Amino acid sequence: MAATGTTATPSTTAARTPNKGLRWLRRNIITLAGLATLAYLVLPNVIVMVFSFNKPNGRFNYQWQRFSTDAWTDPCGVADLCGSLGLSLQIAVWATVGATVLGTMIAFALARYRFRARAGVNTLIFLPMAMPEVVMAASLATLFLNMGIQFGFWTILIAHIMFCLSFVVTAVKARVMSMDPRLEQAAQDLYASPVQTFLRVTLPIAAPGIASGALLSFALSFDDFIITNFNAGSTVTFPMFVWGSAQRGTPVQINVIGTAMFLVAVLCVVVGQLAGKRRKRS
């Protein structure tokens, strides 16, 4: 008798192939969506980077003409560009310091202590994050006008600290609330003073939240245009310079500075990831 068996026909093989493809797609759909989203977010930065090597024929750097490194060799070739950049960096640094110090103290107070106005303070802290920037900008401008304060560097700095404060409080408060209080109690049982407990136990644990709030404050302050435009007066920061130059003609040096800042940000992220991996291994 002849042995009987099953033989895969071409139709059966063709039917199995789409099933494998669908299974692979279902397993990797989240990864593919994440990569597509990341590519969508990075694409504008790549375009800015490419056009930083462009040499346009006219005033507008919107069409590729020919490759050139002139803008990289002379990034301050446009009048007032580096001056506005330095002013934005100065404001961002001081706003970060002010918002981080005040926000950290407020976060510890809200997370560790209970007082009568605690719920109201929580609501007020989250209002700048919830309301549109133009509302806060107009409110601060009205406040400065009523107080007779001249618009300039100090009004911009105060405004930036005010709207960065909420982000610092949110980041630090989440970190403080996740801390184990038994660690501080153990330090006190080992005869550590309150200052030693804070510096050697509490502060190192809360440091990631403080650092994230500080970095977020710096990015928000440096990048802000709406609140700055309402409270700057005749002072011109880098975002305001970019907005003004876009109407007259965008110089290539703006793309150079944007590319340099993007590369610095990527480098900071890479260094942070490598440091985290090395800390886990040790």
C-alpha atoms as a PDB file:
ATOM      1  CA  MET A   1       0.000   0.000   0.000  1.00  0.00           C
ATOM      2  CA  ALA A   2       1.177   3.444  -0.816  1.00  0.00           C
ATOM      3  CA  ALA A   3       2.035   5.692   2.128  1.00  0.00           C
ATOM      4  CA  THR A   4      -0.386   8.506   2.592  1.00  0.00           C
ATOM      5  CA  GLY A   5       0.679  11.966   3.759  1.00  0.00           C
ATOM      6  CA  THR A   6      -0.089  15.617   3.474  1.00  0.00           C
ATOM      7  CA  THR A   7       1.681  17.756   0.940  1.00  0.00           C
ATOM      8  CA  ALA A   8       1.778  21.561   1.162  1.00  0.00           C
ATOM      9  CA  THR A   9       0.167  22.996  -1.915  1.00  0.00           C
ATOM     10  CA  PRO A  10       1.104  26.426  -3.297  1.00  0.00           C
ATOM     11  CA  SER A  11      -2.218  27.832  -2.116  1.00  0.00           C
ATOM     12  CA  THR A  12      -1.545  26.642   1.453  1.00  0.00           C
ATOM     13  CA  THR A  13       1.950  28.190   1.443  1.00  0.00           C
ATOM     14  CA  ALA A  14       0.577  31.481   0.140  1.00  0.00           C
ATOM     15  CA  ALA A  15      -2.056  31.468   2.853  1.00  0.00           C
ATOM     16  CA  ARG A  16       0.533  30.977   5.602  1.00  0.00           C
ATOM     17  CA  THR A  17       2.805  33.830   4.437  1.00  0.00           C
ATOM     18  CA  PRO A  18       0.370  36.705   5.111  1.00  0.00           C
ATOM     19  CA  ASN A  19      -0.327  35.232   8.545  1.00  0.00           C
ATOM     20  CA  LYS A  20       3.371  35.474   9.447  1.00  0.00           C
ATOM     21  CA  GLY A  21       3.460  39.043   8.200  1.00  0.00           C
ATOM     22  CA  LEU A  22       0.415  39.975  10.238  1.00  0.00           C
ATOM     23  CA  ARG A  23       1.860  38.356  13.360  1.00  0.00           C
ATOM     24  CA  TRP A  24       5.131  40.243  12.910  1.00  0.00           C
ATOM     25  CA  LEU A  25       3.223  43.491  12.379  1.00  0.00           C
ATOM     26  CA  ARG A  26       1.145  42.957  15.513  1.00  0.00           C
ATOM     27  CA  ARG A  27       4.259  42.266  17.589  1.00  0.00           C
ATOM     28  CA  ASN A  28       6.095  45.352  16.335  1.00  0.00           C
ATOM     29  CA  ILE A  29       3.272  47.839  15.738  1.00  0.00           C
ATOM     30  CA  ILE A  30       4.142  49.881  18.841  1.00  0.00           C
ATOM     31  CA  THR A  31       7.825  49.990  17.911  1.00  0.00           C
ATOM     32  CA  LEU A  32       7.027  51.059  14.350  1.00  0.00           C
ATOM     33  CA  ALA A  33       4.639  53.752  15.578  1.00  0.00           C
ATOM     34  CA  GLY A  34       7.292  55.034  17.980  1.00  0.00           C
ATOM     35  CA  LEU A  35       9.932  55.152  15.259  1.00  0.00           C
ATOM     36  CA  ALA A  36       7.540  56.954  12.905  1.00  0.00           C
ATOM     37  CA  THR A  37       6.710  59.519  15.591  1.00  0.00           C
ATOM     38  CA  LEU A  38      10.389  60.040  16.369  1.00  0.00           C
ATOM     39  CA  ALA A  39      11.189  60.515  12.688  1.00  0.00           C
ATOM     40  CA  TYR A  40       8.365  63.053  12.397  1.00  0.00           C
ATOM     41  CA  LEU A  41       9.756  64.999  15.358  1.00  0.00           C
ATOM     42  CA  VAL A  42      13.378  64.883  14.209  1.00  0.00           C
ATOM     43  CA  LEU A  43      12.690  65.726  10.551  1.00  0.00           C
ATOM     44  CA  PRO A  44      12.448  69.540  11.089  1.00  0.00           C
ATOM     45  CA  ASN A  45      15.781  69.482  12.920  1.00  0.00           C
ATOM     46  CA  VAL A  46      17.359  67.561  10.061  1.00  0.00           C
ATOM     47  CA  ILE A  47      16.050  70.146   7.575  1.00  0.00           C
ATOM     48  CA  VAL A  48      17.449  72.986   9.695  1.00  0.00           C
ATOM     49  CA  MET A  49      20.778  71.149   9.836  1.00  0.00           C
ATOM     50  CA  VAL A  50      20.910  70.635   6.070  1.00  0.00           C
ATOM     51  CA  PHE A  51      20.046  74.262   5.291  1.00  0.00           C
ATOM     52  CA  SER A  52      22.764  75.491   7.645  1.00  0.00           C
ATOM     53  CA  PHE A  53      25.172  74.508   4.850  1.00  0.00           C
ATOM     54  CA  ASN A  54      23.187  76.338   2.184  1.00  0.00           C
ATOM     55  CA  LYS A  55      24.228  79.556   0.444  1.00  0.00           C
ATOM     56  CA  PRO A  56      21.030  81.214  -0.823  1.00  0.00           C
ATOM     57  CA  ASN A  57      21.042  83.719  -3.636  1.00  0.00           C
ATOM     58  CA  GLY A  58      18.564  86.056  -1.920  1.00  0.00           C
ATOM     59  CA  ARG A  59      17.610  86.955   1.630  1.00  0.00           C
ATOM     60  CA  PHE A  60      15.452  83.909   2.330  1.00  0.00           C
ATOM     61  CA  ASN A  61      16.985  80.520   3.130  1.00  0.00           C
ATOM     62  CA  TYR A  62      14.020  78.459   1.956  1.00  0.00           C
ATOM     63  CA  GLN A  63      15.388  76.821  -1.215  1.00  0.00           C
ATOM     64  CA  TRP A  64      18.583  74.861  -1.615  1.00  0.00           C
ATOM     65  CA  GLN A  65      21.088  76.630  -3.866  1.00  0.00           C
ATOM     66  CA  ARG A  66      24.621  75.367  -3.248  1.00  0.00           C
ATOM     67  CA  PHE A  67      26.747  73.873  -0.478  1.00  0.00           C
ATOM     68  CA  SER A  68      28.753  76.299   1.640  1.00  0.00           C
ATOM     69  CA  THR A  69      30.331  76.474   5.100  1.00  0.00           C
ATOM     70  CA  ASP A  70      30.479  80.269   5.233  1.00  0.00           C
ATOM     71  CA  ALA A  71      27.787  80.511   7.914  1.00  0.00           C
ATOM     72  CA  TRP A  72      29.615  77.991  10.126  1.00  0.00           C
ATOM     73  CA  THR A  73      32.899  79.873   9.883  1.00  0.00           C
ATOM     74  CA  ASP A  74      31.177  83.181  10.757  1.00  0.00           C
ATOM     75  CA  PRO A  75      28.142  82.435  13.010  1.00  0.00           C
ATOM     76  CA  CYS A  76      28.061  86.024  14.307  1.00  0.00           C
ATOM     77  CA  GLY A  77      28.150  87.561  10.838  1.00  0.00           C
ATOM     78  CA  VAL A  78      24.630  88.965  11.232  1.00  0.00           C
ATOM     79  CA  ALA A  79      24.300  92.091  13.347  1.00  0.00           C
ATOM     80  CA  ASP A  80      22.771  91.622  16.843  1.00  0.00           C
ATOM     81  CA  LEU A  81      22.386  87.864  16.393  1.00  0.00           C
ATOM     82  CA  CYS A  82      25.021  86.776  18.908  1.00  0.00           C
ATOM     83  CA  GLY A  83      24.000  89.606  21.227  1.00  0.00           C
ATOM     84  CA  SER A  84      20.418  88.361  21.357  1.00  0.00           C
ATOM     85  CA  LEU A  85      21.671  84.784  21.750  1.00  0.00           C
ATOM     86  CA  GLY A  86      23.846  85.736  24.704  1.00  0.00           C
ATOM     87  CA  LEU A  87      20.954  87.605  26.302  1.00  0.00           C
ATOM     88  CA  SER A  88      18.649  84.597  25.931  1.00  0.00           C
ATOM     89  CA  LEU A  89      21.251  82.290  27.452  1.00  0.00           C
ATOM     90  CA  GLN A  90      21.790  84.687  30.352  1.00  0.00           C
ATOM     91  CA  ILE A  91      18.071  84.975  31.045  1.00  0.00           C
ATOM     92  CA  ALA A  92      17.600  81.207  30.733  1.00  0.00           C
ATOM     93  CA  VAL A  93      20.402  80.487  33.224  1.00  0.00           C
ATOM     94  CA  TRP A  94      19.146  82.942  35.856  1.00  0.00           C
ATOM     95  CA  ALA A  95      15.524  81.892  35.335  1.00  0.00           C
ATOM     96  CA  THR A  96      16.563  78.263  35.774  1.00  0.00           C
ATOM     97  CA  VAL A  97      18.410  79.042  39.009  1.00  0.00           C
ATOM     98  CA  GLY A  98      15.533  81.088  40.424  1.00  0.00           C
ATOM     99  CA  ALA A  99      12.788  78.681  39.388  1.00  0.00           C
ATOM    100  CA  THR A 100      14.737  75.632  40.588  1.00  0.00           C
ATOM    101  CA  VAL A 101      15.482  77.057  44.037  1.00  0.00           C
ATOM    102  CA  LEU A 102      11.967  78.380  44.628  1.00  0.00           C
ATOM    103  CA  GLY A 103      10.276  75.387  43.008  1.00  0.00           C
ATOM    104  CA  THR A 104      12.265  72.880  45.071  1.00  0.00           C
ATOM    105  CA  MET A 105      11.343  74.589  48.340  1.00  0.00           C
ATOM    106  CA  ILE A 106       7.682  74.798  47.325  1.00  0.00           C
ATOM    107  CA  ALA A 107       7.664  71.135  46.283  1.00  0.00           C
ATOM    108  CA  PHE A 108       9.098  70.006  49.617  1.00  0.00           C
ATOM    109  CA  ALA A 109       6.581  72.149  51.484  1.00  0.00           C
ATOM    110  CA  LEU A 110       3.628  70.748  49.519  1.00  0.00           C
ATOM    111  CA  ALA A 111       4.823  67.138  49.773  1.00  0.00           C
ATOM    112  CA  ARG A 112       5.980  67.090  53.399  1.00  0.00           C
ATOM    113  CA  TYR A 113       3.815  69.560  55.303  1.00  0.00           C
ATOM    114  CA  ARG A 114       0.109  70.121  55.743  1.00  0.00           C
ATOM    115  CA  PHE A 115      -1.194  73.661  56.157  1.00  0.00           C
ATOM    116  CA  ARG A 116      -4.474  75.455  55.676  1.00  0.00           C
ATOM    117  CA  ALA A 117      -3.851  76.893  52.194  1.00  0.00           C
ATOM    118  CA  ARG A 118      -2.215  73.751  50.794  1.00  0.00           C
ATOM    119  CA  ALA A 119      -5.027  72.913  48.347  1.00  0.00           C
ATOM    120  CA  GLY A 120      -5.172  76.500  47.113  1.00  0.00           C
ATOM    121  CA  VAL A 121      -1.414  76.616  46.565  1.00  0.00           C
ATOM    122  CA  ASN A 122      -1.590  73.369  44.581  1.00  0.00           C
ATOM    123  CA  THR A 123      -4.250  74.891  42.356  1.00  0.00           C
ATOM    124  CA  LEU A 124      -2.290  78.106  41.829  1.00  0.00           C
ATOM    125  CA  ILE A 125       0.871  76.153  40.986  1.00  0.00           C
ATOM    126  CA  PHE A 126      -0.847  74.249  38.177  1.00  0.00           C
ATOM    127  CA  LEU A 127      -2.640  77.272  36.690  1.00  0.00           C
ATOM    128  CA  PRO A 128       0.338  78.514  34.593  1.00  0.00           C
ATOM    129  CA  MET A 129       0.622  75.048  33.046  1.00  0.00           C
ATOM    130  CA  ALA A 130      -3.080  74.881  32.211  1.00  0.00           C
ATOM    131  CA  MET A 131      -3.800  78.383  30.939  1.00  0.00           C
ATOM    132  CA  PRO A 132      -2.627  79.692  27.535  1.00  0.00           C
ATOM    133  CA  GLU A 133       0.658  81.566  27.561  1.00  0.00           C
ATOM    134  CA  VAL A 134      -0.934  84.696  26.124  1.00  0.00           C
ATOM    135  CA  VAL A 135      -3.156  84.999  29.207  1.00  0.00           C
ATOM    136  CA  MET A 136      -0.215  84.865  31.591  1.00  0.00           C
ATOM    137  CA  ALA A 137       1.813  87.180  29.362  1.00  0.00           C
ATOM    138  CA  ALA A 138      -0.916  89.810  29.305  1.00  0.00           C
ATOM    139  CA  SER A 139      -1.456  89.475  33.062  1.00  0.00           C
ATOM    140  CA  LEU A 140       2.226  89.977  33.836  1.00  0.00           C
ATOM    141  CA  ALA A 141       2.443  92.918  31.439  1.00  0.00           C
ATOM    142  CA  THR A 142      -0.539  94.537  33.171  1.00  0.00           C
ATOM    143  CA  LEU A 143       1.077  93.952  36.566  1.00  0.00           C
ATOM    144  CA  PHE A 144       4.348  95.574  35.497  1.00  0.00           C
ATOM    145  CA  LEU A 145       2.511  98.539  33.965  1.00  0.00           C
ATOM    146  CA  ASN A 146       0.449  99.132  37.107  1.00  0.00           C
ATOM    147  CA  MET A 147       3.573  98.949  39.276  1.00  0.00           C
ATOM    148  CA  GLY A 148       5.431 101.357  37.006  1.00  0.00           C
ATOM    149  CA  ILE A 149       8.245  98.888  36.259  1.00  0.00           C
ATOM    150  CA  GLN A 150      10.148  99.571  33.064  1.00  0.00           C
ATOM    151  CA  PHE A 151      10.131  96.690  30.609  1.00  0.00           C
ATOM    152  CA  GLY A 152      13.471  95.075  29.943  1.00  0.00           C
ATOM    153  CA  PHE A 153      15.811  92.421  31.276  1.00  0.00           C
ATOM    154  CA  TRP A 154      14.301  92.220  34.766  1.00  0.00           C
ATOM    155  CA  THR A 155      10.693  91.981  33.628  1.00  0.00           C
ATOM    156  CA  ILE A 156      11.622  89.148  31.257  1.00  0.00           C
ATOM    157  CA  LEU A 157      13.504  87.359  34.031  1.00  0.00           C
ATOM    158  CA  ILE A 158      10.626  87.663  36.514  1.00  0.00           C
ATOM    159  CA  ALA A 159       8.119  86.480  33.904  1.00  0.00           C
ATOM    160  CA  HIS A 160      10.263  83.462  32.996  1.00  0.00           C
ATOM    161  CA  ILE A 161      10.717  82.462  36.625  1.00  0.00           C
ATOM    162  CA  MET A 162       6.960  82.701  37.135  1.00  0.00           C
ATOM    163  CA  PHE A 163       5.989  80.319  34.335  1.00  0.00           C
ATOM    164  CA  CYS A 164       8.954  77.934  34.847  1.00  0.00           C
ATOM    165  CA  LEU A 165       8.113  77.579  38.533  1.00  0.00           C
ATOM    166  CA  SER A 166       5.165  75.261  37.922  1.00  0.00           C
ATOM    167  CA  PHE A 167       7.213  72.760  35.927  1.00  0.00           C
ATOM    168  CA  VAL A 168       9.919  72.582  38.594  1.00  0.00           C
ATOM    169  CA  VAL A 169       7.369  72.087  41.375  1.00  0.00           C
ATOM    170  CA  THR A 170       5.656  69.297  39.432  1.00  0.00           C
ATOM    171  CA  ALA A 171       8.900  67.424  38.707  1.00  0.00           C
ATOM    172  CA  VAL A 172      10.379  67.761  42.198  1.00  0.00           C
ATOM    173  CA  LYS A 173       7.107  67.065  44.004  1.00  0.00           C
ATOM    174  CA  ALA A 174       6.616  63.782  42.131  1.00  0.00           C
ATOM    175  CA  ARG A 175      10.114  62.706  43.126  1.00  0.00           C
ATOM    176  CA  VAL A 176       9.734  63.734  46.774  1.00  0.00           C
ATOM    177  CA  MET A 177       6.399  61.955  47.170  1.00  0.00           C
ATOM    178  CA  SER A 178       7.948  58.711  45.903  1.00  0.00           C
ATOM    179  CA  MET A 179      10.742  58.821  48.493  1.00  0.00           C
ATOM    180  CA  ASP A 180      10.788  56.278  51.315  1.00  0.00           C
ATOM    181  CA  PRO A 181      10.670  58.222  54.626  1.00  0.00           C
ATOM    182  CA  ARG A 182      12.316  55.300  56.416  1.00  0.00           C
ATOM    183  CA  LEU A 183      15.638  56.245  54.803  1.00  0.00           C
ATOM    184  CA  GLU A 184      15.632  59.618  56.529  1.00  0.00           C
ATOM    185  CA  GLN A 185      14.491  58.009  59.767  1.00  0.00           C
ATOM    186  CA  ALA A 186      17.388  55.560  59.553  1.00  0.00           C
ATOM    187  CA  ALA A 187      19.825  58.448  59.103  1.00  0.00           C
ATOM    188  CA  GLN A 188      18.394  60.154  62.175  1.00  0.00           C
ATOM    189  CA  ASP A 189      18.691  56.910  64.164  1.00  0.00           C
ATOM    190  CA  LEU A 190      22.386  56.902  63.240  1.00  0.00           C
ATOM    191  CA  TYR A 191      22.730  60.326  64.908  1.00  0.00           C
ATOM    192  CA  ALA A 192      22.793  62.369  61.705  1.00  0.00           C
ATOM    193  CA  SER A 193      21.830  66.002  62.126  1.00  0.00           C
ATOM    194  CA  PRO A 194      18.941  67.456  60.077  1.00  0.00           C
ATOM    195  CA  VAL A 195      21.435  69.183  57.781  1.00  0.00           C
ATOM    196  CA  GLN A 196      23.433  65.982  57.267  1.00  0.00           C
ATOM    197  CA  THR A 197      20.254  64.014  56.617  1.00  0.00           C
ATOM    198  CA  PHE A 198      19.151  66.502  54.000  1.00  0.00           C
ATOM    199  CA  LEU A 199      22.520  66.764  52.247  1.00  0.00           C
ATOM    200  CA  ARG A 200      23.432  63.055  52.287  1.00  0.00           C
ATOM    201  CA  VAL A 201      20.050  61.330  52.032  1.00  0.00           C
ATOM    202  CA  THR A 202      17.205  63.586  50.959  1.00  0.00           C
ATOM    203  CA  LEU A 203      18.978  65.751  48.387  1.00  0.00           C
ATOM    204  CA  PRO A 204      20.685  62.877  46.472  1.00  0.00           C
ATOM    205  CA  ILE A 205      17.365  61.046  46.188  1.00  0.00           C
ATOM    206  CA  ALA A 206      15.528  64.174  45.018  1.00  0.00           C
ATOM    207  CA  ALA A 207      18.371  65.193  42.670  1.00  0.00           C
ATOM    208  CA  PRO A 208      16.930  63.546  39.508  1.00  0.00           C
ATOM    209  CA  GLY A 209      13.656  65.441  39.923  1.00  0.00           C
ATOM    210  CA  ILE A 210      15.487  68.696  40.591  1.00  0.00           C
ATOM    211  CA  ALA A 211      17.733  68.171  37.567  1.00  0.00           C
ATOM    212  CA  SER A 212      14.805  67.385  35.271  1.00  0.00           C
ATOM    213  CA  GLY A 213      12.955  70.481  36.460  1.00  0.00           C
ATOM    214  CA  ALA A 214      16.045  72.630  35.924  1.00  0.00           C
ATOM    215  CA  LEU A 215      16.638  71.314  32.401  1.00  0.00           C
ATOM    216  CA  LEU A 216      12.991  71.808  31.516  1.00  0.00           C
ATOM    217  CA  SER A 217      13.089  75.351  32.882  1.00  0.00           C
ATOM    218  CA  PHE A 218      16.154  76.197  30.814  1.00  0.00           C
ATOM    219  CA  ALA A 219      14.583  74.869  27.619  1.00  0.00           C
ATOM    220  CA  LEU A 220      11.284  76.667  28.217  1.00  0.00           C
ATOM    221  CA  SER A 221      12.942  79.952  29.123  1.00  0.00           C
ATOM    222  CA  PHE A 222      15.335  79.977  26.186  1.00  0.00           C
ATOM    223  CA  ASP A 223      12.639  79.007  23.699  1.00  0.00           C
ATOM    224  CA  ASP A 224       9.843  81.287  24.924  1.00  0.00           C
ATOM    225  CA  PHE A 225       8.480  83.980  22.615  1.00  0.00           C
ATOM    226  CA  ILE A 226       4.926  84.880  23.659  1.00  0.00           C
ATOM    227  CA  ILE A 227       5.569  85.845  27.280  1.00  0.00           C
ATOM    228  CA  THR A 228       8.863  87.483  26.334  1.00  0.00           C
ATOM    229  CA  ASN A 229       7.266  89.551  23.584  1.00  0.00           C
ATOM    230  CA  PHE A 230       4.695  90.981  26.006  1.00  0.00           C
ATOM    231  CA  ASN A 231       7.246  91.887  28.686  1.00  0.00           C
ATOM    232  CA  ALA A 232      10.438  92.695  26.781  1.00  0.00           C
ATOM    233  CA  GLY A 233       9.925  96.298  25.730  1.00  0.00           C
ATOM    234  CA  SER A 234      12.847  97.190  23.464  1.00  0.00           C
ATOM    235  CA  THR A 235      14.925  94.205  24.630  1.00  0.00           C
ATOM    236  CA  VAL A 236      15.435  91.568  21.916  1.00  0.00           C
ATOM    237  CA  THR A 237      16.042  87.927  22.801  1.00  0.00           C
ATOM    238  CA  PHE A 238      17.018  85.204  20.338  1.00  0.00           C
ATOM    239  CA  PRO A 239      13.444  83.951  19.661  1.00  0.00           C
ATOM    240  CA  MET A 240      12.349  87.541  19.057  1.00  0.00           C
ATOM    241  CA  PHE A 241      15.317  88.066  16.724  1.00  0.00           C
ATOM    242  CA  VAL A 242      14.360  84.953  14.749  1.00  0.00           C
ATOM    243  CA  TRP A 243      10.756  86.130  14.476  1.00  0.00           C
ATOM    244  CA  GLY A 244      11.801  89.580  13.310  1.00  0.00           C
ATOM    245  CA  SER A 245      14.368  88.321  10.818  1.00  0.00           C
ATOM    246  CA  ALA A 246      11.847  85.901   9.307  1.00  0.00           C
ATOM    247  CA  GLN A 247       9.926  88.907   7.986  1.00  0.00           C
ATOM    248  CA  ARG A 248      12.969  90.531   6.386  1.00  0.00           C
ATOM    249  CA  GLY A 249      14.937  87.450   5.388  1.00  0.00           C
ATOM    250  CA  THR A 250      16.202  84.524   7.419  1.00  0.00           C
ATOM    251  CA  PRO A 251      20.011  84.390   7.613  1.00  0.00           C
ATOM    252  CA  VAL A 252      21.747  81.048   7.421  1.00  0.00           C
ATOM    253  CA  GLN A 253      23.435  81.733  10.781  1.00  0.00           C
ATOM    254  CA  ILE A 254      20.092  81.069  12.508  1.00  0.00           C
ATOM    255  CA  ASN A 255      20.184  77.530  11.138  1.00  0.00           C
ATOM    256  CA  VAL A 256      23.764  77.198  12.360  1.00  0.00           C
ATOM    257  CA  ILE A 257      22.842  78.185  15.926  1.00  0.00           C
ATOM    258  CA  GLY A 258      19.768  75.946  15.852  1.00  0.00           C
ATOM    259  CA  THR A 259      21.862  73.004  14.650  1.00  0.00           C
ATOM    260  CA  ALA A 260      24.503  73.597  17.313  1.00  0.00           C
ATOM    261  CA  MET A 261      21.890  73.697  20.078  1.00  0.00           C
ATOM    262  CA  PHE A 262      20.241  70.527  18.778  1.00  0.00           C
ATOM    263  CA  LEU A 263      23.571  68.692  18.739  1.00  0.00           C
ATOM    264  CA  VAL A 264      24.364  69.893  22.265  1.00  0.00           C
ATOM    265  CA  ALA A 265      20.976  68.637  23.472  1.00  0.00           C
ATOM    266  CA  VAL A 266      21.520  65.245  21.832  1.00  0.00           C
ATOM    267  CA  LEU A 267      24.993  65.051  23.365  1.00  0.00           C
ATOM    268  CA  CYS A 268      23.589  65.756  26.835  1.00  0.00           C
ATOM    269  CA  VAL A 269      21.004  63.000  26.412  1.00  0.00           C
ATOM    270  CA  VAL A 270      23.623  60.507  25.215  1.00  0.00           C
ATOM    271  CA  VAL A 271      25.971  61.364  28.086  1.00  0.00           C
ATOM    272  CA  GLY A 272      23.111  60.989  30.561  1.00  0.00           C
ATOM    273  CA  GLN A 273      22.163  57.587  29.172  1.00  0.00           C
ATOM    274  CA  LEU A 274      25.748  56.346  29.256  1.00  0.00           C
ATOM    275  CA  ALA A 275      26.211  57.599  32.812  1.00  0.00           C
ATOM    276  CA  GLY A 276      23.007  55.855  33.870  1.00  0.00           C
ATOM    277  CA  LYS A 277      24.094  52.556  32.332  1.00  0.00           C
ATOM    278  CA  ARG A 278      27.532  52.795  33.974  1.00  0.00           C
ATOM    279  CA  ARG A 279      25.921  53.510  37.336  1.00  0.00           C
ATOM    280  CA  LYS A 280      23.684  50.436  37.004  1.00  0.00           C
ATOM    281  CA  ARG A 281      26.647  48.206  36.143  1.00  0.00           C
ATOM    282  CA  SER A 282      28.609  49.401  39.141  1.00  0.00           C
END
